[in-house]
Amino acid sequence: MGTLYNHCHGKVEFNDYENGLYGFYEIGNVKKRSQEYFEGAVFKNKNKVSDVFGNYAGYMDFGEKRYYDLREVKQIYHKYDDLLEQRCLPSDSTKRNDLILLA
């Protein structure tokens, strides 16, 4: 089974020892890009198999292939009135008086 390490300096690492996989990406350290961009790499048995690049607010590329693009994800939004009262916990944030008044 793999492990995930999240270090304080914007670097996220993944290890899958069973399959010889290691990957990382570093957030906010991409030259000439704003802080939400990241870059990294994926290795199999210590050999680099792919670069990783993206923007945590929008997309993720492995090599030349885009695997995730927020523009292609169906957005889900429920209005307060759409929620069934009996399905919500008493602590549900939709029951906050300030949010009800704001809506």
C-alpha atoms as a PDB file:
ATOM      1  CA  MET A   1       0.000   0.000   0.000  1.00  0.00           C
ATOM      2  CA  GLY A   2       1.216   3.507  -0.747  1.00  0.00           C
ATOM      3  CA  THR A   3       1.810   6.448   1.509  1.00  0.00           C
ATOM      4  CA  LEU A   4       1.326  10.169   1.087  1.00  0.00           C
ATOM      5  CA  TYR A   5       3.652  12.753   2.559  1.00  0.00           C
ATOM      6  CA  ASN A   6       2.727  16.421   2.648  1.00  0.00           C
ATOM      7  CA  HIS A   7       5.631  18.604   3.660  1.00  0.00           C
ATOM      8  CA  CYS A   8       5.454  22.204   4.863  1.00  0.00           C
ATOM      9  CA  HIS A   9       7.266  23.700   1.903  1.00  0.00           C
ATOM     10  CA  GLY A  10       4.580  23.060  -0.712  1.00  0.00           C
ATOM     11  CA  LYS A  11       5.899  19.656  -1.755  1.00  0.00           C
ATOM     12  CA  VAL A  12       3.533  16.686  -1.875  1.00  0.00           C
ATOM     13  CA  GLU A  13       5.011  13.214  -2.284  1.00  0.00           C
ATOM     14  CA  PHE A  14       3.441   9.832  -3.062  1.00  0.00           C
ATOM     15  CA  ASN A  15       5.032   6.416  -2.541  1.00  0.00           C
ATOM     16  CA  ASP A  16       3.689   3.082  -3.727  1.00  0.00           C
ATOM     17  CA  TYR A  17       6.415   0.727  -2.542  1.00  0.00           C
ATOM     18  CA  GLU A  18       4.616  -2.406  -3.720  1.00  0.00           C
ATOM     19  CA  ASN A  19       4.636  -1.204  -7.343  1.00  0.00           C
ATOM     20  CA  GLY A  20       7.898   0.754  -7.275  1.00  0.00           C
ATOM     21  CA  LEU A  21       6.174   4.100  -7.866  1.00  0.00           C
ATOM     22  CA  TYR A  22       7.158   7.485  -6.482  1.00  0.00           C
ATOM     23  CA  GLY A  23       5.744  10.849  -7.404  1.00  0.00           C
ATOM     24  CA  PHE A  24       5.780  14.409  -6.201  1.00  0.00           C
ATOM     25  CA  TYR A  25       4.600  17.853  -7.071  1.00  0.00           C
ATOM     26  CA  GLU A  26       5.638  21.175  -5.641  1.00  0.00           C
ATOM     27  CA  ILE A  27       3.087  23.953  -5.295  1.00  0.00           C
ATOM     28  CA  GLY A  28       3.933  27.620  -5.762  1.00  0.00           C
ATOM     29  CA  ASN A  29       7.459  27.159  -7.027  1.00  0.00           C
ATOM     30  CA  VAL A  30       6.903  27.404 -10.805  1.00  0.00           C
ATOM     31  CA  LYS A  31       8.941  30.157 -12.461  1.00  0.00           C
ATOM     32  CA  LYS A  32       6.949  32.985 -14.067  1.00  0.00           C
ATOM     33  CA  ARG A  33       3.656  31.541 -12.746  1.00  0.00           C
ATOM     34  CA  SER A  34       1.415  32.505  -9.834  1.00  0.00           C
ATOM     35  CA  GLN A  35       1.354  30.540  -6.562  1.00  0.00           C
ATOM     36  CA  GLU A  36      -1.447  28.135  -7.525  1.00  0.00           C
ATOM     37  CA  TYR A  37       0.694  26.389 -10.177  1.00  0.00           C
ATOM     38  CA  PHE A  38       2.610  23.201  -9.444  1.00  0.00           C
ATOM     39  CA  GLU A  39       5.074  20.922 -11.157  1.00  0.00           C
ATOM     40  CA  GLY A  40       6.614  17.569 -10.380  1.00  0.00           C
ATOM     41  CA  ALA A  41       7.337  14.111 -11.725  1.00  0.00           C
ATOM     42  CA  VAL A  42       6.405  10.426 -11.505  1.00  0.00           C
ATOM     43  CA  PHE A  43       9.033   7.666 -11.264  1.00  0.00           C
ATOM     44  CA  LYS A  44       8.812   3.877 -11.638  1.00  0.00           C
ATOM     45  CA  ASN A  45      11.729   1.943 -10.145  1.00  0.00           C
ATOM     46  CA  LYS A  46      13.649   5.260  -9.920  1.00  0.00           C
ATOM     47  CA  ASN A  47      13.209   5.953 -13.665  1.00  0.00           C
ATOM     48  CA  LYS A  48      11.261   9.082 -14.577  1.00  0.00           C
ATOM     49  CA  VAL A  49       8.126   8.175 -16.534  1.00  0.00           C
ATOM     50  CA  SER A  50       6.263  11.486 -16.589  1.00  0.00           C
ATOM     51  CA  ASP A  51       6.387  15.151 -15.764  1.00  0.00           C
ATOM     52  CA  VAL A  52       3.470  16.602 -13.789  1.00  0.00           C
ATOM     53  CA  PHE A  53       2.218  20.154 -14.279  1.00  0.00           C
ATOM     54  CA  GLY A  54      -0.941  22.019 -13.450  1.00  0.00           C
ATOM     55  CA  ASN A  55      -2.911  24.510 -11.472  1.00  0.00           C
ATOM     56  CA  TYR A  56      -4.663  23.295  -8.341  1.00  0.00           C
ATOM     57  CA  ALA A  57      -7.634  25.481  -9.203  1.00  0.00           C
ATOM     58  CA  GLY A  58      -8.051  24.133 -12.724  1.00  0.00           C
ATOM     59  CA  TYR A  59      -6.150  21.282 -14.344  1.00  0.00           C
ATOM     60  CA  MET A  60      -3.486  18.578 -14.075  1.00  0.00           C
ATOM     61  CA  ASP A  61      -1.259  17.274 -16.874  1.00  0.00           C
ATOM     62  CA  PHE A  62       0.903  14.146 -16.874  1.00  0.00           C
ATOM     63  CA  GLY A  63       3.386  14.572 -19.696  1.00  0.00           C
ATOM     64  CA  GLU A  64       1.457  15.810 -22.719  1.00  0.00           C
ATOM     65  CA  LYS A  65      -1.882  14.369 -21.559  1.00  0.00           C
ATOM     66  CA  ARG A  66      -4.426  16.339 -19.519  1.00  0.00           C
ATOM     67  CA  TYR A  67      -6.032  14.039 -16.953  1.00  0.00           C
ATOM     68  CA  TYR A  68      -8.112  16.600 -15.111  1.00  0.00           C
ATOM     69  CA  ASP A  69      -9.731  19.823 -16.275  1.00  0.00           C
ATOM     70  CA  LEU A  70     -12.203  21.625 -14.023  1.00  0.00           C
ATOM     71  CA  ARG A  71     -13.973  23.057 -17.075  1.00  0.00           C
ATOM     72  CA  GLU A  72     -15.022  19.500 -17.998  1.00  0.00           C
ATOM     73  CA  VAL A  73     -16.374  18.583 -14.538  1.00  0.00           C
ATOM     74  CA  LYS A  74     -20.106  18.851 -14.047  1.00  0.00           C
ATOM     75  CA  GLN A  75     -20.749  21.485 -11.409  1.00  0.00           C
ATOM     76  CA  ILE A  76     -23.108  20.485  -8.623  1.00  0.00           C
ATOM     77  CA  TYR A  77     -25.011  23.110  -6.682  1.00  0.00           C
ATOM     78  CA  HIS A  78     -28.069  22.708  -4.503  1.00  0.00           C
ATOM     79  CA  LYS A  79     -30.186  25.597  -3.397  1.00  0.00           C
ATOM     80  CA  TYR A  80     -31.240  25.646   0.240  1.00  0.00           C
ATOM     81  CA  ASP A  81     -34.857  24.956  -0.764  1.00  0.00           C
ATOM     82  CA  ASP A  82     -33.798  21.847  -2.708  1.00  0.00           C
ATOM     83  CA  LEU A  83     -32.531  20.002   0.346  1.00  0.00           C
ATOM     84  CA  LEU A  84     -34.853  17.621   2.084  1.00  0.00           C
ATOM     85  CA  GLU A  85     -35.261  18.632   5.735  1.00  0.00           C
ATOM     86  CA  GLN A  86     -35.316  15.026   6.996  1.00  0.00           C
ATOM     87  CA  ARG A  87     -32.039  14.192   5.218  1.00  0.00           C
ATOM     88  CA  CYS A  88     -30.049  16.988   6.913  1.00  0.00           C
ATOM     89  CA  LEU A  89     -28.337  16.735  10.261  1.00  0.00           C
ATOM     90  CA  PRO A  90     -29.395  19.259  12.911  1.00  0.00           C
ATOM     91  CA  SER A  91     -25.865  20.718  12.654  1.00  0.00           C
ATOM     92  CA  ASP A  92     -26.038  21.154   8.855  1.00  0.00           C
ATOM     93  CA  SER A  93     -24.643  24.523   7.770  1.00  0.00           C
ATOM     94  CA  THR A  94     -27.736  25.170   5.644  1.00  0.00           C
ATOM     95  CA  LYS A  95     -29.694  25.591   8.879  1.00  0.00           C
ATOM     96  CA  ARG A  96     -27.589  28.560  10.019  1.00  0.00           C
ATOM     97  CA  ASN A  97     -29.817  31.586  10.524  1.00  0.00           C
ATOM     98  CA  ASP A  98     -27.300  33.968   8.968  1.00  0.00           C
ATOM     99  CA  LEU A  99     -27.142  31.891   5.762  1.00  0.00           C
ATOM    100  CA  ILE A 100     -30.927  31.578   5.629  1.00  0.00           C
ATOM    101  CA  LEU A 101     -31.293  35.352   5.948  1.00  0.00           C
ATOM    102  CA  LEU A 102     -28.594  35.932   3.328  1.00  0.00           C
ATOM    103  CA  ALA A 103     -30.320  33.576   0.871  1.00  0.00           C
END
